[in-house]
């Protein structure tokens, strides 16, 4: 319960090229972020939505189209957006018939999400959906600063190395966090500091923070 209260779910976005081979990497990056956010219970639905929204761009706008995946909290809902530059190719907004050749992707999005739609801007189209998280709100009350710093580090890692970050998601957010800690220890050693001493200080400080968070009334 304490961990959930400390989560600060900072919006993030990732530019990508609408290629079939990118779908799997984007799914894994989504899974990684949801593990960090404590939203593993909707990971399957969110990954399905990412697959269908991106596939919609590939099929109806064109392979190689520059696009952007944007993820944020809309109150207690997880909001997933895919931006592309074509304002003419609109997704099919009606559920597909059993014998229809197209429209099934958006029908799947409609089936697993609370709501979805399309926004048209002067220079782009935004296809979005929102999933219920079951949380009372989108952000935690305590520990937001420390958690957001971690999300910034991991988010930058995902942007710079989307495929490696996506692969790490298969083993969980813990392995990715360990990689970041190792990088920091190497950095400290390069500056002439003792990594072991830094780890000891960090562990003591972490124990103090956890102890404060668990005090009734905080």
C-alpha atoms as a PDB file:
ATOM      1  CA  UNK A   1       0.000   0.000   0.000  1.00  0.00           C
ATOM      2  CA  UNK A   2       2.827   2.387   0.809  1.00  0.00           C
ATOM      3  CA  UNK A   3       4.437   1.749  -2.568  1.00  0.00           C
ATOM      4  CA  UNK A   4       1.205   2.594  -4.396  1.00  0.00           C
ATOM      5  CA  UNK A   5       0.846   5.853  -2.465  1.00  0.00           C
ATOM      6  CA  UNK A   6       4.383   6.915  -3.467  1.00  0.00           C
ATOM      7  CA  UNK A   7       3.878   6.567  -7.214  1.00  0.00           C
ATOM      8  CA  UNK A   8       3.954   9.743  -9.276  1.00  0.00           C
ATOM      9  CA  UNK A   9       2.828   8.831 -12.769  1.00  0.00           C
ATOM     10  CA  UNK A  10       4.532  11.357 -15.013  1.00  0.00           C
ATOM     11  CA  UNK A  11       3.266  11.592 -18.640  1.00  0.00           C
ATOM     12  CA  UNK A  12       5.676  10.359 -21.295  1.00  0.00           C
ATOM     13  CA  UNK A  13       5.851  10.151 -25.067  1.00  0.00           C
ATOM     14  CA  UNK A  14       7.960   8.312 -27.621  1.00  0.00           C
ATOM     15  CA  UNK A  15       8.409   9.131 -31.298  1.00  0.00           C
ATOM     16  CA  UNK A  16       8.558   6.108 -33.616  1.00  0.00           C
ATOM     17  CA  UNK A  17       8.287   5.062 -37.240  1.00  0.00           C
ATOM     18  CA  UNK A  18       5.105   3.127 -38.040  1.00  0.00           C
ATOM     19  CA  UNK A  19       6.762  -0.142 -39.014  1.00  0.00           C
ATOM     20  CA  UNK A  20       5.414  -3.620 -38.201  1.00  0.00           C
ATOM     21  CA  UNK A  21       8.608  -4.508 -36.332  1.00  0.00           C
ATOM     22  CA  UNK A  22       8.132  -1.520 -34.007  1.00  0.00           C
ATOM     23  CA  UNK A  23       4.859  -2.846 -32.570  1.00  0.00           C
ATOM     24  CA  UNK A  24       6.523  -5.411 -30.314  1.00  0.00           C
ATOM     25  CA  UNK A  25       9.068  -2.900 -28.993  1.00  0.00           C
ATOM     26  CA  UNK A  26       6.327  -0.383 -28.185  1.00  0.00           C
ATOM     27  CA  UNK A  27       4.323  -3.060 -26.372  1.00  0.00           C
ATOM     28  CA  UNK A  28       7.334  -3.936 -24.221  1.00  0.00           C
ATOM     29  CA  UNK A  29       8.040  -0.288 -23.417  1.00  0.00           C
ATOM     30  CA  UNK A  30       4.400   0.118 -22.367  1.00  0.00           C
ATOM     31  CA  UNK A  31       4.707  -2.932 -20.140  1.00  0.00           C
ATOM     32  CA  UNK A  32       7.862  -1.537 -18.527  1.00  0.00           C
ATOM     33  CA  UNK A  33       6.234   1.794 -17.703  1.00  0.00           C
ATOM     34  CA  UNK A  34       3.119   0.151 -16.289  1.00  0.00           C
ATOM     35  CA  UNK A  35       5.297  -1.969 -14.000  1.00  0.00           C
ATOM     36  CA  UNK A  36       6.993   1.205 -12.786  1.00  0.00           C
ATOM     37  CA  UNK A  37       3.593   2.836 -12.289  1.00  0.00           C
ATOM     38  CA  UNK A  38       2.173  -0.148 -10.398  1.00  0.00           C
ATOM     39  CA  UNK A  39      -0.449  -0.805 -13.081  1.00  0.00           C
ATOM     40  CA  UNK A  40       0.518  -4.351 -14.060  1.00  0.00           C
ATOM     41  CA  UNK A  41      -3.100  -5.448 -13.766  1.00  0.00           C
ATOM     42  CA  UNK A  42      -4.052  -3.562 -16.956  1.00  0.00           C
ATOM     43  CA  UNK A  43      -0.841  -4.307 -18.863  1.00  0.00           C
ATOM     44  CA  UNK A  44      -2.418  -6.827 -21.261  1.00  0.00           C
ATOM     45  CA  UNK A  45      -5.237  -4.452 -22.214  1.00  0.00           C
ATOM     46  CA  UNK A  46      -2.854  -1.510 -22.622  1.00  0.00           C
ATOM     47  CA  UNK A  47      -0.477  -3.505 -24.808  1.00  0.00           C
ATOM     48  CA  UNK A  48      -3.369  -4.647 -26.987  1.00  0.00           C
ATOM     49  CA  UNK A  49      -4.478  -1.025 -27.430  1.00  0.00           C
ATOM     50  CA  UNK A  50      -0.963   0.028 -28.391  1.00  0.00           C
ATOM     51  CA  UNK A  51      -0.802  -2.776 -30.964  1.00  0.00           C
ATOM     52  CA  UNK A  52      -4.112  -1.855 -32.552  1.00  0.00           C
ATOM     53  CA  UNK A  53      -3.604   1.924 -32.555  1.00  0.00           C
ATOM     54  CA  UNK A  54      -0.144   1.585 -34.121  1.00  0.00           C
ATOM     55  CA  UNK A  55      -1.319  -1.063 -36.595  1.00  0.00           C
ATOM     56  CA  UNK A  56      -4.106   1.293 -37.611  1.00  0.00           C
ATOM     57  CA  UNK A  57      -1.500   3.894 -38.626  1.00  0.00           C
ATOM     58  CA  UNK A  58       0.516   1.292 -40.531  1.00  0.00           C
ATOM     59  CA  UNK A  59      -2.521   0.011 -42.420  1.00  0.00           C
ATOM     60  CA  UNK A  60      -4.461   3.189 -43.122  1.00  0.00           C
ATOM     61  CA  UNK A  61      -1.802   5.923 -43.180  1.00  0.00           C
ATOM     62  CA  UNK A  62       1.237   4.053 -44.430  1.00  0.00           C
ATOM     63  CA  UNK A  63       4.301   2.068 -43.467  1.00  0.00           C
ATOM     64  CA  UNK A  64       7.081   4.321 -42.225  1.00  0.00           C
ATOM     65  CA  UNK A  65       4.797   7.165 -41.158  1.00  0.00           C
ATOM     66  CA  UNK A  66       6.393   9.231 -38.361  1.00  0.00           C
ATOM     67  CA  UNK A  67       4.164   8.910 -35.299  1.00  0.00           C
ATOM     68  CA  UNK A  68       4.226   9.425 -31.543  1.00  0.00           C
ATOM     69  CA  UNK A  69       2.958   7.307 -28.657  1.00  0.00           C
ATOM     70  CA  UNK A  70       1.829   9.398 -25.687  1.00  0.00           C
ATOM     71  CA  UNK A  71       0.805   7.925 -22.329  1.00  0.00           C
ATOM     72  CA  UNK A  72      -0.600   9.787 -19.333  1.00  0.00           C
ATOM     73  CA  UNK A  73      -3.120   9.573 -16.520  1.00  0.00           C
ATOM     74  CA  UNK A  74      -6.536  11.126 -17.084  1.00  0.00           C
ATOM     75  CA  UNK A  75      -7.789  11.156 -13.509  1.00  0.00           C
ATOM     76  CA  UNK A  76      -7.941   7.490 -12.477  1.00  0.00           C
ATOM     77  CA  UNK A  77      -7.805   6.306 -16.110  1.00  0.00           C
ATOM     78  CA  UNK A  78      -4.750   5.427 -18.190  1.00  0.00           C
ATOM     79  CA  UNK A  79      -4.827   7.433 -21.439  1.00  0.00           C
ATOM     80  CA  UNK A  80      -3.029   6.106 -24.522  1.00  0.00           C
ATOM     81  CA  UNK A  81      -2.655   8.292 -27.612  1.00  0.00           C
ATOM     82  CA  UNK A  82      -1.095   7.700 -31.014  1.00  0.00           C
ATOM     83  CA  UNK A  83      -0.382  10.837 -33.055  1.00  0.00           C
ATOM     84  CA  UNK A  84       0.108  10.730 -36.820  1.00  0.00           C
ATOM     85  CA  UNK A  85       0.258  13.474 -39.492  1.00  0.00           C
ATOM     86  CA  UNK A  86      -2.683  12.327 -41.678  1.00  0.00           C
ATOM     87  CA  UNK A  87      -5.938  14.117 -40.794  1.00  0.00           C
ATOM     88  CA  UNK A  88      -7.883  12.372 -43.589  1.00  0.00           C
ATOM     89  CA  UNK A  89      -7.450   8.672 -42.769  1.00  0.00           C
ATOM     90  CA  UNK A  90      -9.863   8.300 -39.854  1.00  0.00           C
ATOM     91  CA  UNK A  91     -10.246   5.040 -37.910  1.00  0.00           C
ATOM     92  CA  UNK A  92     -13.466   3.091 -38.325  1.00  0.00           C
ATOM     93  CA  UNK A  93     -15.608   4.166 -35.386  1.00  0.00           C
ATOM     94  CA  UNK A  94     -18.210   1.410 -35.678  1.00  0.00           C
ATOM     95  CA  UNK A  95     -17.786  -2.141 -34.443  1.00  0.00           C
ATOM     96  CA  UNK A  96     -16.921  -4.458 -37.319  1.00  0.00           C
ATOM     97  CA  UNK A  97     -19.421  -7.071 -38.491  1.00  0.00           C
ATOM     98  CA  UNK A  98     -18.333 -10.726 -38.144  1.00  0.00           C
ATOM     99  CA  UNK A  99     -17.627 -10.985 -41.878  1.00  0.00           C
ATOM    100  CA  UNK A 100     -16.002  -7.542 -42.241  1.00  0.00           C
ATOM    101  CA  UNK A 101     -12.445  -7.383 -43.579  1.00  0.00           C
ATOM    102  CA  UNK A 102     -11.547  -4.207 -41.697  1.00  0.00           C
ATOM    103  CA  UNK A 103     -12.393  -2.349 -38.521  1.00  0.00           C
ATOM    104  CA  UNK A 104     -11.641  -5.202 -36.149  1.00  0.00           C
ATOM    105  CA  UNK A 105      -8.701  -3.421 -34.567  1.00  0.00           C
ATOM    106  CA  UNK A 106     -10.700  -0.479 -33.317  1.00  0.00           C
ATOM    107  CA  UNK A 107     -13.482  -2.854 -32.269  1.00  0.00           C
ATOM    108  CA  UNK A 108     -10.944  -4.569 -29.996  1.00  0.00           C
ATOM    109  CA  UNK A 109      -9.872  -1.213 -28.582  1.00  0.00           C
ATOM    110  CA  UNK A 110     -13.508  -0.402 -27.896  1.00  0.00           C
ATOM    111  CA  UNK A 111     -14.005  -3.764 -26.189  1.00  0.00           C
ATOM    112  CA  UNK A 112     -11.142  -3.427 -23.679  1.00  0.00           C
ATOM    113  CA  UNK A 113     -11.188   0.328 -23.036  1.00  0.00           C
ATOM    114  CA  UNK A 114     -13.625   2.539 -21.152  1.00  0.00           C
ATOM    115  CA  UNK A 115     -13.797   5.020 -24.005  1.00  0.00           C
ATOM    116  CA  UNK A 116     -11.908   6.065 -27.106  1.00  0.00           C
ATOM    117  CA  UNK A 117     -12.062   8.521 -29.969  1.00  0.00           C
ATOM    118  CA  UNK A 118     -10.247  10.702 -32.479  1.00  0.00           C
ATOM    119  CA  UNK A 119      -9.126  14.316 -32.210  1.00  0.00           C
ATOM    120  CA  UNK A 120      -8.217  16.333 -35.302  1.00  0.00           C
ATOM    121  CA  UNK A 121      -5.639  19.088 -35.074  1.00  0.00           C
ATOM    122  CA  UNK A 122      -4.340  21.349 -37.828  1.00  0.00           C
ATOM    123  CA  UNK A 123      -1.201  19.251 -38.298  1.00  0.00           C
ATOM    124  CA  UNK A 124      -2.075  15.831 -36.946  1.00  0.00           C
ATOM    125  CA  UNK A 125      -4.629  13.258 -35.875  1.00  0.00           C
ATOM    126  CA  UNK A 126      -4.782  11.836 -32.357  1.00  0.00           C
ATOM    127  CA  UNK A 127      -6.390   8.437 -31.856  1.00  0.00           C
ATOM    128  CA  UNK A 128      -6.837   7.765 -28.158  1.00  0.00           C
ATOM    129  CA  UNK A 129      -8.342   5.400 -25.622  1.00  0.00           C
ATOM    130  CA  UNK A 130      -8.662   5.328 -21.847  1.00  0.00           C
ATOM    131  CA  UNK A 131      -8.493   2.303 -19.551  1.00  0.00           C
ATOM    132  CA  UNK A 132      -9.859   2.134 -16.027  1.00  0.00           C
ATOM    133  CA  UNK A 133      -7.124   1.521 -13.437  1.00  0.00           C
ATOM    134  CA  UNK A 134      -9.306   1.047 -10.383  1.00  0.00           C
ATOM    135  CA  UNK A 135      -7.306   3.737  -8.562  1.00  0.00           C
ATOM    136  CA  UNK A 136      -8.966   6.593  -6.668  1.00  0.00           C
ATOM    137  CA  UNK A 137      -6.761   9.097  -8.537  1.00  0.00           C
ATOM    138  CA  UNK A 138      -3.937   9.203 -11.051  1.00  0.00           C
ATOM    139  CA  UNK A 139      -1.183  10.277  -8.645  1.00  0.00           C
ATOM    140  CA  UNK A 140       0.022   9.208  -5.224  1.00  0.00           C
ATOM    141  CA  UNK A 141       0.142  11.537  -2.243  1.00  0.00           C
ATOM    142  CA  UNK A 142       3.653  10.998  -0.941  1.00  0.00           C
ATOM    143  CA  UNK A 143       7.112  10.348  -2.353  1.00  0.00           C
ATOM    144  CA  UNK A 144       6.316  11.922  -5.721  1.00  0.00           C
ATOM    145  CA  UNK A 145       9.657  13.713  -6.085  1.00  0.00           C
ATOM    146  CA  UNK A 146      11.875  10.665  -5.596  1.00  0.00           C
ATOM    147  CA  UNK A 147       9.704   8.441  -7.788  1.00  0.00           C
ATOM    148  CA  UNK A 148       9.484  10.984 -10.603  1.00  0.00           C
ATOM    149  CA  UNK A 149      13.296  11.214 -10.678  1.00  0.00           C
ATOM    150  CA  UNK A 150      13.482   7.457 -11.220  1.00  0.00           C
ATOM    151  CA  UNK A 151      10.815   7.610 -13.939  1.00  0.00           C
ATOM    152  CA  UNK A 152      12.796  10.343 -15.688  1.00  0.00           C
ATOM    153  CA  UNK A 153      15.932   8.170 -15.726  1.00  0.00           C
ATOM    154  CA  UNK A 154      14.111   5.086 -16.965  1.00  0.00           C
ATOM    155  CA  UNK A 155      12.096   7.109 -19.454  1.00  0.00           C
ATOM    156  CA  UNK A 156      15.274   8.565 -20.972  1.00  0.00           C
ATOM    157  CA  UNK A 157      16.747   5.066 -21.155  1.00  0.00           C
ATOM    158  CA  UNK A 158      13.653   3.863 -23.037  1.00  0.00           C
ATOM    159  CA  UNK A 159      13.843   6.765 -25.490  1.00  0.00           C
ATOM    160  CA  UNK A 160      17.559   6.322 -26.179  1.00  0.00           C
ATOM    161  CA  UNK A 161      17.440   2.513 -26.375  1.00  0.00           C
ATOM    162  CA  UNK A 162      13.824   1.545 -27.119  1.00  0.00           C
ATOM    163  CA  UNK A 163      14.573  -2.029 -28.116  1.00  0.00           C
ATOM    164  CA  UNK A 164      16.919  -2.822 -25.238  1.00  0.00           C
ATOM    165  CA  UNK A 165      14.515  -1.174 -22.779  1.00  0.00           C
ATOM    166  CA  UNK A 166      11.648  -3.174 -24.195  1.00  0.00           C
ATOM    167  CA  UNK A 167      13.578  -6.421 -23.841  1.00  0.00           C
ATOM    168  CA  UNK A 168      14.362  -5.574 -20.211  1.00  0.00           C
ATOM    169  CA  UNK A 169      10.656  -5.263 -19.548  1.00  0.00           C
ATOM    170  CA  UNK A 170      10.287  -8.986 -20.097  1.00  0.00           C
ATOM    171  CA  UNK A 171      12.320  -9.539 -16.924  1.00  0.00           C
ATOM    172  CA  UNK A 172      10.552  -6.775 -15.025  1.00  0.00           C
ATOM    173  CA  UNK A 173      11.256  -3.234 -13.978  1.00  0.00           C
ATOM    174  CA  UNK A 174      13.634  -4.448 -11.259  1.00  0.00           C
ATOM    175  CA  UNK A 175      16.304  -5.522 -13.750  1.00  0.00           C
ATOM    176  CA  UNK A 176      16.144  -2.163 -15.533  1.00  0.00           C
ATOM    177  CA  UNK A 177      16.478  -0.336 -12.215  1.00  0.00           C
ATOM    178  CA  UNK A 178      19.534  -2.450 -11.342  1.00  0.00           C
ATOM    179  CA  UNK A 179      21.130  -1.462 -14.662  1.00  0.00           C
ATOM    180  CA  UNK A 180      20.616   2.215 -13.836  1.00  0.00           C
ATOM    181  CA  UNK A 181      22.098   1.745 -10.343  1.00  0.00           C
ATOM    182  CA  UNK A 182      25.168   0.043 -11.846  1.00  0.00           C
ATOM    183  CA  UNK A 183      25.623   2.959 -14.265  1.00  0.00           C
ATOM    184  CA  UNK A 184      25.470   5.422 -11.370  1.00  0.00           C
ATOM    185  CA  UNK A 185      28.046   3.415  -9.383  1.00  0.00           C
ATOM    186  CA  UNK A 186      30.431   3.422 -12.356  1.00  0.00           C
ATOM    187  CA  UNK A 187      29.920   7.186 -12.652  1.00  0.00           C
ATOM    188  CA  UNK A 188      30.734   7.705  -8.962  1.00  0.00           C
ATOM    189  CA  UNK A 189      33.839   5.537  -9.236  1.00  0.00           C
ATOM    190  CA  UNK A 190      34.998   7.595 -12.208  1.00  0.00           C
ATOM    191  CA  UNK A 191      34.740  10.726 -10.054  1.00  0.00           C
ATOM    192  CA  UNK A 192      36.912   9.149  -7.383  1.00  0.00           C
ATOM    193  CA  UNK A 193      34.133   8.299  -4.902  1.00  0.00           C
ATOM    194  CA  UNK A 194      33.672   4.936  -3.161  1.00  0.00           C
ATOM    195  CA  UNK A 195      30.595   3.148  -4.568  1.00  0.00           C
ATOM    196  CA  UNK A 196      30.209   0.985  -1.441  1.00  0.00           C
ATOM    197  CA  UNK A 197      29.967   4.040   0.796  1.00  0.00           C
ATOM    198  CA  UNK A 198      27.376   5.611  -1.506  1.00  0.00           C
ATOM    199  CA  UNK A 199      25.319   2.398  -1.408  1.00  0.00           C
ATOM    200  CA  UNK A 200      25.447   2.305   2.393  1.00  0.00           C
ATOM    201  CA  UNK A 201      24.322   5.935   2.630  1.00  0.00           C
ATOM    202  CA  UNK A 202      21.536   5.337   0.108  1.00  0.00           C
ATOM    203  CA  UNK A 203      20.292   2.269   1.986  1.00  0.00           C
ATOM    204  CA  UNK A 204      20.191   4.168   5.293  1.00  0.00           C
ATOM    205  CA  UNK A 205      18.363   7.089   3.683  1.00  0.00           C
ATOM    206  CA  UNK A 206      15.893   4.727   1.986  1.00  0.00           C
ATOM    207  CA  UNK A 207      15.193   2.962   5.291  1.00  0.00           C
ATOM    208  CA  UNK A 208      14.512   6.322   6.912  1.00  0.00           C
ATOM    209  CA  UNK A 209      12.097   7.333   4.132  1.00  0.00           C
ATOM    210  CA  UNK A 210      10.216   4.046   4.351  1.00  0.00           C
ATOM    211  CA  UNK A 211      10.003   4.343   8.112  1.00  0.00           C
ATOM    212  CA  UNK A 212       8.525   7.837   7.834  1.00  0.00           C
ATOM    213  CA  UNK A 213       5.998   6.704   5.230  1.00  0.00           C
ATOM    214  CA  UNK A 214       4.809   3.851   7.447  1.00  0.00           C
ATOM    215  CA  UNK A 215       4.151   6.043  10.487  1.00  0.00           C
ATOM    216  CA  UNK A 216       0.336   6.129  10.994  1.00  0.00           C
ATOM    217  CA  UNK A 217      -1.157   9.444   9.931  1.00  0.00           C
ATOM    218  CA  UNK A 218       1.535  10.265   7.305  1.00  0.00           C
END
